[in-house]
N, C-alpha and C. Protein backbone atom coordinates (compact mmCIF):
# COMPACT_ATOMS: atom_id res chain seq x y z
N UNK A 1 34.87 -20.03 28.06
CA UNK A 1 33.50 -20.00 27.56
C UNK A 1 33.49 -19.53 26.10
N UNK A 2 32.66 -20.17 25.28
CA UNK A 2 32.57 -19.79 23.87
C UNK A 2 31.71 -18.55 23.71
N UNK A 3 32.12 -17.67 22.83
CA UNK A 3 31.33 -16.49 22.53
C UNK A 3 30.34 -16.82 21.42
N UNK A 4 29.23 -16.13 21.44
CA UNK A 4 28.20 -16.26 20.41
C UNK A 4 28.71 -15.58 19.15
N UNK A 5 28.93 -16.34 18.10
CA UNK A 5 29.46 -15.82 16.84
C UNK A 5 28.29 -15.62 15.87
N UNK A 6 27.78 -14.38 15.83
CA UNK A 6 26.61 -14.09 14.99
C UNK A 6 26.89 -14.33 13.51
N UNK A 7 28.11 -14.04 13.06
CA UNK A 7 28.43 -14.26 11.65
C UNK A 7 28.41 -15.75 11.29
N UNK A 8 28.96 -16.58 12.15
CA UNK A 8 28.97 -18.02 11.90
C UNK A 8 27.55 -18.59 11.92
N UNK A 9 26.75 -18.12 12.88
CA UNK A 9 25.35 -18.57 12.96
C UNK A 9 24.61 -18.15 11.69
N UNK A 10 24.80 -16.91 11.28
CA UNK A 10 24.15 -16.42 10.07
C UNK A 10 24.54 -17.22 8.84
N UNK A 11 25.81 -17.57 8.75
CA UNK A 11 26.29 -18.38 7.61
C UNK A 11 25.65 -19.77 7.63
N UNK A 12 25.53 -20.36 8.82
CA UNK A 12 24.88 -21.68 8.91
C UNK A 12 23.43 -21.59 8.48
N UNK A 13 22.75 -20.51 8.88
CA UNK A 13 21.35 -20.32 8.48
C UNK A 13 21.26 -20.18 6.96
N UNK A 14 22.09 -19.32 6.39
CA UNK A 14 22.05 -19.09 4.94
C UNK A 14 22.34 -20.38 4.17
N UNK A 15 23.36 -21.10 4.59
CA UNK A 15 23.74 -22.33 3.90
C UNK A 15 22.61 -23.35 3.93
N UNK A 16 22.02 -23.54 5.11
CA UNK A 16 20.95 -24.52 5.25
C UNK A 16 19.70 -24.08 4.49
N UNK A 17 19.35 -22.80 4.56
CA UNK A 17 18.18 -22.28 3.85
C UNK A 17 18.31 -22.51 2.35
N UNK A 18 19.48 -22.20 1.83
CA UNK A 18 19.71 -22.39 0.40
C UNK A 18 19.70 -23.87 0.03
N UNK A 19 20.28 -24.71 0.88
CA UNK A 19 20.29 -26.16 0.61
C UNK A 19 18.87 -26.71 0.56
N UNK A 20 17.98 -26.13 1.33
CA UNK A 20 16.58 -26.56 1.33
C UNK A 20 15.76 -25.89 0.24
N UNK A 21 16.40 -24.98 -0.50
CA UNK A 21 15.71 -24.32 -1.61
C UNK A 21 14.66 -23.30 -1.17
N UNK A 22 14.89 -22.67 -0.04
CA UNK A 22 13.96 -21.67 0.49
C UNK A 22 14.52 -20.28 0.21
N UNK A 23 13.72 -19.45 -0.45
CA UNK A 23 14.17 -18.08 -0.71
C UNK A 23 14.18 -17.30 0.60
N UNK A 24 14.93 -16.21 0.61
CA UNK A 24 15.00 -15.39 1.82
C UNK A 24 13.63 -14.80 2.16
N UNK A 25 12.87 -14.44 1.14
CA UNK A 25 11.54 -13.87 1.36
C UNK A 25 10.60 -14.92 1.96
N UNK A 26 10.62 -16.14 1.41
CA UNK A 26 9.79 -17.21 1.95
C UNK A 26 10.23 -17.57 3.37
N UNK A 27 11.54 -17.60 3.58
CA UNK A 27 12.09 -17.89 4.90
C UNK A 27 11.54 -16.90 5.93
N UNK A 28 11.61 -15.61 5.59
CA UNK A 28 11.12 -14.57 6.50
C UNK A 28 9.64 -14.77 6.80
N UNK A 29 8.87 -15.03 5.78
CA UNK A 29 7.43 -15.23 5.98
C UNK A 29 7.15 -16.45 6.86
N UNK A 30 7.88 -17.53 6.61
CA UNK A 30 7.65 -18.77 7.36
C UNK A 30 8.01 -18.66 8.84
N UNK A 31 8.95 -17.78 9.17
CA UNK A 31 9.29 -17.61 10.60
C UNK A 31 8.63 -16.37 11.19
N UNK A 32 7.83 -15.68 10.39
CA UNK A 32 7.07 -14.54 10.90
C UNK A 32 7.90 -13.29 11.13
N UNK A 33 8.90 -13.10 10.29
CA UNK A 33 9.76 -11.91 10.39
C UNK A 33 9.84 -11.22 9.03
N UNK A 34 10.36 -10.00 9.01
CA UNK A 34 10.50 -9.28 7.75
C UNK A 34 11.82 -9.70 7.07
N UNK A 35 11.87 -9.67 5.74
CA UNK A 35 13.08 -10.10 5.03
C UNK A 35 14.35 -9.36 5.45
N UNK A 36 14.26 -8.06 5.72
CA UNK A 36 15.47 -7.32 6.11
C UNK A 36 16.05 -7.87 7.40
N UNK A 37 15.21 -8.18 8.37
CA UNK A 37 15.68 -8.74 9.63
C UNK A 37 16.38 -10.07 9.38
N UNK A 38 15.81 -10.91 8.52
CA UNK A 38 16.43 -12.20 8.21
C UNK A 38 17.76 -12.00 7.49
N UNK A 39 17.82 -11.04 6.60
CA UNK A 39 19.08 -10.74 5.91
C UNK A 39 20.14 -10.28 6.91
N UNK A 40 19.72 -9.46 7.87
CA UNK A 40 20.66 -8.99 8.90
C UNK A 40 21.17 -10.15 9.76
N UNK A 41 20.30 -11.09 10.07
CA UNK A 41 20.72 -12.28 10.83
C UNK A 41 21.74 -13.07 10.02
N UNK A 42 21.43 -13.30 8.74
CA UNK A 42 22.33 -14.09 7.89
C UNK A 42 23.69 -13.42 7.70
N UNK A 43 23.72 -12.10 7.73
CA UNK A 43 25.00 -11.39 7.60
C UNK A 43 25.71 -11.26 8.94
N UNK A 44 25.06 -11.69 10.01
CA UNK A 44 25.67 -11.60 11.33
C UNK A 44 25.64 -10.21 11.92
N UNK A 45 24.74 -9.37 11.42
CA UNK A 45 24.66 -7.99 11.89
C UNK A 45 23.73 -7.82 13.08
N UNK A 46 22.93 -8.84 13.34
CA UNK A 46 22.02 -8.77 14.49
C UNK A 46 21.82 -10.16 15.07
N UNK A 47 21.48 -10.19 16.33
CA UNK A 47 21.16 -11.45 16.98
C UNK A 47 19.68 -11.74 16.82
N UNK A 48 19.20 -12.71 17.57
CA UNK A 48 17.79 -13.07 17.48
C UNK A 48 17.29 -13.52 18.84
N UNK A 49 15.99 -13.44 19.00
CA UNK A 49 15.39 -13.91 20.24
C UNK A 49 15.37 -15.44 20.25
N UNK A 50 15.13 -15.98 21.42
CA UNK A 50 15.02 -17.44 21.53
C UNK A 50 13.85 -17.93 20.69
N UNK A 51 12.75 -17.20 20.67
CA UNK A 51 11.59 -17.59 19.88
C UNK A 51 11.93 -17.66 18.40
N UNK A 52 12.66 -16.66 17.91
CA UNK A 52 13.07 -16.66 16.50
C UNK A 52 14.03 -17.81 16.24
N UNK A 53 14.97 -18.03 17.14
CA UNK A 53 15.93 -19.12 16.96
C UNK A 53 15.20 -20.46 16.89
N UNK A 54 14.22 -20.67 17.75
CA UNK A 54 13.49 -21.94 17.73
C UNK A 54 12.66 -22.10 16.46
N UNK A 55 12.10 -21.00 15.96
CA UNK A 55 11.36 -21.04 14.69
C UNK A 55 12.30 -21.41 13.55
N UNK A 56 13.49 -20.82 13.55
CA UNK A 56 14.48 -21.11 12.52
C UNK A 56 14.91 -22.57 12.60
N UNK A 57 15.19 -23.04 13.81
CA UNK A 57 15.60 -24.44 13.99
C UNK A 57 14.53 -25.39 13.48
N UNK A 58 13.29 -25.11 13.80
CA UNK A 58 12.19 -25.96 13.36
C UNK A 58 12.09 -25.97 11.83
N UNK A 59 12.11 -24.79 11.23
CA UNK A 59 11.99 -24.69 9.77
C UNK A 59 13.16 -25.36 9.06
N UNK A 60 14.37 -25.14 9.56
CA UNK A 60 15.57 -25.67 8.90
C UNK A 60 15.94 -27.07 9.38
N UNK A 61 15.13 -27.62 10.29
CA UNK A 61 15.36 -28.97 10.82
C UNK A 61 16.76 -29.10 11.41
N UNK A 62 17.08 -28.16 12.28
CA UNK A 62 18.36 -28.13 12.96
C UNK A 62 18.11 -28.06 14.46
N UNK A 63 19.02 -28.61 15.23
CA UNK A 63 18.93 -28.44 16.68
C UNK A 63 19.52 -27.07 17.02
N UNK A 64 19.15 -26.52 18.18
CA UNK A 64 19.78 -25.26 18.60
C UNK A 64 21.30 -25.39 18.69
N UNK A 65 21.81 -26.54 19.12
CA UNK A 65 23.27 -26.74 19.17
C UNK A 65 23.89 -26.66 17.78
N UNK A 66 23.25 -27.28 16.80
CA UNK A 66 23.77 -27.21 15.43
C UNK A 66 23.80 -25.76 14.95
N UNK A 67 22.73 -25.04 15.23
CA UNK A 67 22.63 -23.67 14.77
C UNK A 67 23.67 -22.78 15.45
N UNK A 68 23.78 -22.88 16.76
CA UNK A 68 24.64 -21.98 17.51
C UNK A 68 26.11 -22.37 17.49
N UNK A 69 26.39 -23.68 17.52
CA UNK A 69 27.76 -24.14 17.69
C UNK A 69 28.37 -24.76 16.44
N UNK A 70 27.56 -25.01 15.44
CA UNK A 70 28.07 -25.68 14.25
C UNK A 70 27.85 -27.16 14.35
N UNK A 71 28.21 -27.86 13.31
CA UNK A 71 27.94 -29.29 13.28
C UNK A 71 29.21 -30.09 13.13
N UNK A 72 29.20 -31.25 13.72
CA UNK A 72 30.31 -32.18 13.58
C UNK A 72 30.14 -32.95 12.28
N UNK A 73 31.11 -33.76 11.94
CA UNK A 73 31.00 -34.59 10.73
C UNK A 73 29.80 -35.52 10.83
N UNK A 74 29.53 -36.06 12.02
CA UNK A 74 28.39 -36.95 12.19
C UNK A 74 27.09 -36.19 11.94
N UNK A 75 26.99 -34.98 12.46
CA UNK A 75 25.79 -34.17 12.25
C UNK A 75 25.66 -33.80 10.78
N UNK A 76 26.78 -33.49 10.13
CA UNK A 76 26.75 -33.14 8.72
C UNK A 76 26.21 -34.31 7.91
N UNK A 77 26.67 -35.52 8.23
CA UNK A 77 26.17 -36.72 7.53
C UNK A 77 24.67 -36.83 7.71
N UNK A 78 24.20 -36.63 8.94
CA UNK A 78 22.77 -36.69 9.22
C UNK A 78 22.03 -35.61 8.45
N UNK A 79 22.58 -34.40 8.41
CA UNK A 79 21.95 -33.30 7.69
C UNK A 79 21.81 -33.62 6.21
N UNK A 80 22.85 -34.18 5.60
CA UNK A 80 22.79 -34.52 4.18
C UNK A 80 21.75 -35.59 3.93
N UNK A 81 21.65 -36.56 4.82
CA UNK A 81 20.64 -37.60 4.68
C UNK A 81 19.24 -36.99 4.78
N UNK A 82 19.06 -36.09 5.72
CA UNK A 82 17.76 -35.43 5.87
C UNK A 82 17.41 -34.62 4.62
N UNK A 83 18.39 -33.94 4.04
CA UNK A 83 18.14 -33.16 2.82
C UNK A 83 17.71 -34.07 1.68
N UNK A 84 18.35 -35.22 1.57
CA UNK A 84 17.98 -36.19 0.52
C UNK A 84 16.56 -36.68 0.74
N UNK A 85 16.26 -37.03 1.98
CA UNK A 85 14.91 -37.51 2.30
C UNK A 85 13.88 -36.42 2.02
N UNK A 86 14.17 -35.20 2.40
CA UNK A 86 13.25 -34.09 2.14
C UNK A 86 13.01 -33.92 0.64
N UNK A 87 14.08 -34.00 -0.14
CA UNK A 87 13.94 -33.86 -1.60
C UNK A 87 13.09 -34.99 -2.16
N UNK A 88 13.32 -36.20 -1.70
CA UNK A 88 12.54 -37.35 -2.18
C UNK A 88 11.08 -37.25 -1.78
N UNK A 89 10.82 -36.70 -0.62
CA UNK A 89 9.44 -36.56 -0.16
C UNK A 89 8.64 -35.58 -1.02
N UNK A 90 9.33 -34.74 -1.77
CA UNK A 90 8.66 -33.78 -2.64
C UNK A 90 8.43 -34.35 -4.04
N UNK A 91 8.86 -35.58 -4.27
CA UNK A 91 8.75 -36.21 -5.58
C UNK A 91 7.51 -37.10 -5.66
N UNK A 92 7.13 -37.39 -6.89
CA UNK A 92 6.08 -38.38 -7.10
C UNK A 92 6.67 -39.77 -6.84
N UNK A 93 5.81 -40.76 -6.75
CA UNK A 93 6.29 -42.13 -6.52
C UNK A 93 7.21 -42.58 -7.65
N UNK A 94 6.85 -42.26 -8.89
CA UNK A 94 7.70 -42.64 -10.03
C UNK A 94 9.06 -41.95 -9.95
N UNK A 95 9.08 -40.67 -9.61
CA UNK A 95 10.34 -39.95 -9.48
C UNK A 95 11.22 -40.57 -8.39
N UNK A 96 10.60 -40.98 -7.27
CA UNK A 96 11.37 -41.62 -6.19
C UNK A 96 11.97 -42.94 -6.66
N UNK A 97 11.18 -43.72 -7.40
CA UNK A 97 11.70 -45.00 -7.91
C UNK A 97 12.85 -44.76 -8.88
N UNK A 98 12.71 -43.77 -9.74
CA UNK A 98 13.77 -43.44 -10.69
C UNK A 98 15.03 -42.95 -9.95
N UNK A 99 14.83 -42.13 -8.93
CA UNK A 99 15.97 -41.64 -8.14
C UNK A 99 16.68 -42.79 -7.44
N UNK A 100 15.92 -43.73 -6.92
CA UNK A 100 16.51 -44.89 -6.25
C UNK A 100 17.32 -45.71 -7.25
N UNK A 101 16.78 -45.93 -8.44
CA UNK A 101 17.49 -46.69 -9.46
C UNK A 101 18.80 -45.99 -9.84
N UNK A 102 18.75 -44.67 -10.00
CA UNK A 102 19.96 -43.91 -10.32
C UNK A 102 20.98 -43.97 -9.18
N UNK A 103 20.52 -43.88 -7.96
CA UNK A 103 21.42 -43.96 -6.82
C UNK A 103 22.09 -45.32 -6.75
N UNK A 104 21.34 -46.39 -6.99
CA UNK A 104 21.95 -47.73 -7.00
C UNK A 104 23.02 -47.84 -8.07
N UNK A 105 22.73 -47.32 -9.26
CA UNK A 105 23.71 -47.35 -10.35
C UNK A 105 24.95 -46.55 -9.97
N UNK A 106 24.74 -45.38 -9.44
CA UNK A 106 25.86 -44.51 -9.04
C UNK A 106 26.73 -45.18 -8.00
N UNK A 107 26.11 -45.74 -6.96
CA UNK A 107 26.90 -46.38 -5.90
C UNK A 107 27.66 -47.59 -6.40
N UNK A 108 27.07 -48.34 -7.31
CA UNK A 108 27.76 -49.48 -7.92
C UNK A 108 28.96 -49.00 -8.73
N UNK A 109 28.79 -47.91 -9.45
CA UNK A 109 29.85 -47.39 -10.31
C UNK A 109 31.05 -46.84 -9.52
N UNK A 110 30.82 -46.28 -8.35
CA UNK A 110 31.92 -45.69 -7.60
C UNK A 110 32.61 -46.64 -6.63
N UNK A 111 32.09 -47.83 -6.50
CA UNK A 111 32.71 -48.80 -5.57
C UNK A 111 33.86 -49.52 -6.19
């Protein structure tokens, strides 16, 4: 049986939070917890309730399996795609068109 690795879970939370551009203070507010508690979770110094875990999963767009057990290469690919989509959704229509044009140029150049 696998043991619950609080440090690994905390690192996954920190990595994903930062990738989404969410500060620790905003993260704490969005899941209804105090920043110190969130910092303790990220450092692996404390566990969390199921309610907190589900709030974190929802905010970070992760499944409980991804959060608790880590992600496979397939999940990582999906996560990166989701991050790109999330970033594009925060752009204006013109910015999205420009990003698409740059992506097409980049992909052509590396092939």
